[in-house]
Protein backbone atom coordinates (compact mmCIF):
# COMPACT_ATOMS: atom_id res chain seq x y z
CA GLN A 1 -134.67 27.00 -82.85
CA VAL A 2 -133.94 29.49 -84.90
CA GLN A 3 -136.48 31.61 -86.87
CA LEU A 4 -136.48 34.27 -88.94
CA VAL A 5 -140.14 35.68 -90.43
CA GLU A 6 -139.37 38.45 -92.95
CA SER A 7 -142.62 40.48 -93.87
CA GLY A 8 -143.16 43.82 -95.63
CA GLY A 9 -142.41 42.98 -99.32
CA GLY A 10 -144.79 43.85 -102.20
CA LEU A 11 -145.46 45.87 -105.33
CA VAL A 12 -144.31 49.43 -105.78
CA GLN A 13 -143.71 51.45 -108.81
CA PRO A 14 -139.92 52.52 -109.82
CA GLY A 15 -139.00 55.47 -107.55
CA GLY A 16 -141.40 54.10 -104.98
CA SER A 17 -139.93 53.13 -101.45
CA LEU A 18 -140.68 49.80 -98.95
CA ARG A 19 -139.78 48.55 -95.52
CA LEU A 20 -138.63 45.02 -94.90
CA SER A 21 -139.05 43.76 -91.25
CA CYS A 22 -137.19 41.00 -90.10
CA THR A 23 -137.89 39.44 -86.81
CA ALA A 24 -135.98 36.83 -85.19
CA SER A 25 -136.02 34.35 -82.35
CA GLY A 26 -134.29 31.19 -81.26
CA PHE A 27 -131.08 33.13 -80.43
CA ARG A 28 -129.24 35.80 -78.88
CA PHE A 29 -130.36 38.36 -81.35
CA SER A 30 -127.87 41.26 -79.67
CA TRP A 31 -124.89 39.43 -80.33
CA ARG A 32 -125.53 38.34 -83.90
CA LYS A 33 -124.26 40.05 -87.26
CA MET A 34 -127.49 40.45 -89.61
CA SER A 35 -127.88 40.62 -93.19
CA TRP A 36 -130.20 41.19 -96.20
CA TYR A 37 -130.03 39.00 -99.32
CA ARG A 38 -131.59 39.03 -102.42
CA GLN A 39 -132.41 36.48 -105.39
CA ALA A 40 -133.97 37.47 -108.84
CA PRO A 41 -135.32 34.73 -111.21
CA GLY A 42 -132.50 33.21 -112.60
CA LYS A 43 -129.65 34.73 -110.28
CA GLU A 44 -127.68 33.97 -107.88
CA ARG A 45 -128.50 34.91 -104.46
CA GLU A 46 -126.55 38.10 -103.32
CA LEU A 47 -125.86 40.10 -100.72
CA VAL A 48 -127.32 43.37 -99.53
CA ALA A 49 -126.69 45.05 -96.54
CA SER A 50 -125.60 43.89 -93.18
CA ILE A 51 -125.28 45.63 -90.18
CA PHE A 52 -123.06 44.65 -86.70
CA THR A 53 -124.25 44.01 -83.47
CA ASP A 54 -124.87 47.69 -82.19
CA GLY A 55 -126.01 49.09 -85.71
CA SER A 56 -122.84 51.38 -85.87
CA THR A 57 -121.26 49.67 -88.78
CA THR A 58 -123.29 48.79 -91.99
CA ASN A 59 -122.14 47.93 -95.35
CA TYR A 60 -124.12 47.74 -98.09
CA ALA A 61 -124.00 46.42 -102.16
CA ASP A 62 -122.82 49.19 -104.43
CA SER A 63 -125.78 48.56 -106.37
CA VAL A 64 -128.11 49.48 -103.89
CA LYS A 65 -125.85 51.91 -101.79
CA GLY A 66 -127.48 55.65 -101.35
CA ARG A 67 -130.53 53.84 -101.49
CA PHE A 68 -131.23 50.97 -99.00
CA THR A 69 -130.32 51.62 -95.55
CA ILE A 70 -130.53 48.59 -92.71
CA SER A 71 -131.20 49.14 -88.89
CA ARG A 72 -131.80 47.27 -86.29
CA ASN A 73 -133.48 47.22 -82.72
CA ASN A 74 -131.88 44.58 -80.56
CA ALA A 75 -134.49 45.33 -78.03
CA GLU A 76 -137.48 44.08 -80.58
CA LYS A 77 -135.51 41.94 -81.99
CA THR A 78 -135.77 43.06 -85.52
CA VAL A 79 -133.94 44.03 -88.16
CA PHE A 80 -134.83 46.26 -90.93
CA LEU A 81 -134.16 46.97 -95.02
CA GLN A 82 -135.59 50.60 -95.91
CA MET A 83 -135.58 50.67 -99.43
CA ASP A 84 -135.84 53.96 -101.57
CA SER A 85 -135.57 55.34 -105.27
CA LEU A 86 -136.95 51.33 -105.91
CA LYS A 87 -135.64 50.04 -109.72
CA PRO A 88 -137.00 47.33 -111.84
CA GLU A 89 -133.46 45.81 -110.96
CA ASP A 90 -134.41 45.21 -107.33
CA THR A 91 -137.23 42.97 -108.36
CA ALA A 92 -136.19 39.83 -106.10
CA MET A 93 -136.95 37.80 -103.35
CA TYR A 94 -135.71 39.20 -100.18
CA TYR A 95 -133.97 36.95 -97.43
CA CYS A 96 -132.89 37.70 -94.10
CA ASN A 97 -130.18 35.92 -92.98
CA VAL A 98 -127.96 35.15 -89.56
CA PRO A 99 -124.55 35.04 -91.36
CA SER A 100 -122.67 33.30 -88.01
CA LEU A 101 -125.90 30.45 -87.68
CA GLY A 102 -126.27 29.94 -91.40
CA SER A 103 -129.64 30.85 -90.94
CA TRP A 104 -132.69 31.79 -93.44
CA GLY A 105 -135.98 33.10 -93.20
CA GLN A 106 -138.43 31.99 -95.86
CA GLY A 107 -138.27 35.53 -97.69
CA THR A 108 -140.28 38.16 -99.10
CA GLN A 109 -140.90 39.53 -102.66
CA VAL A 110 -140.19 42.49 -103.96
CA THR A 111 -141.64 43.45 -106.95
CA VAL A 112 -140.88 47.16 -108.75
CA SER A 113 -142.88 47.51 -111.62
CA SER A 114 -145.29 50.50 -113.35
């Protein structure tokens, strides 16, 4: 079955960086678009970034453009989210997603606070 395991979250000060990872199994990873979503307390889940199969095309939410970078390693079946210049409003649970399969990971918590 499809499994998505996120890691890399934590507590970081404003202006700091984190790198999230999502390792996939149970499907042909290199054939699937991958996405990162986030959900803050009391808010709806929102799309943060997406990356197409070969990594050549990426999309970002306006709120993270220029600060976050999504990438993937198809050989390792892993998608990454490099988050720089973090702000308190980036605090949320971050989820890995396979849009075409409707599959979600368990999430990893990111907290940006001084």
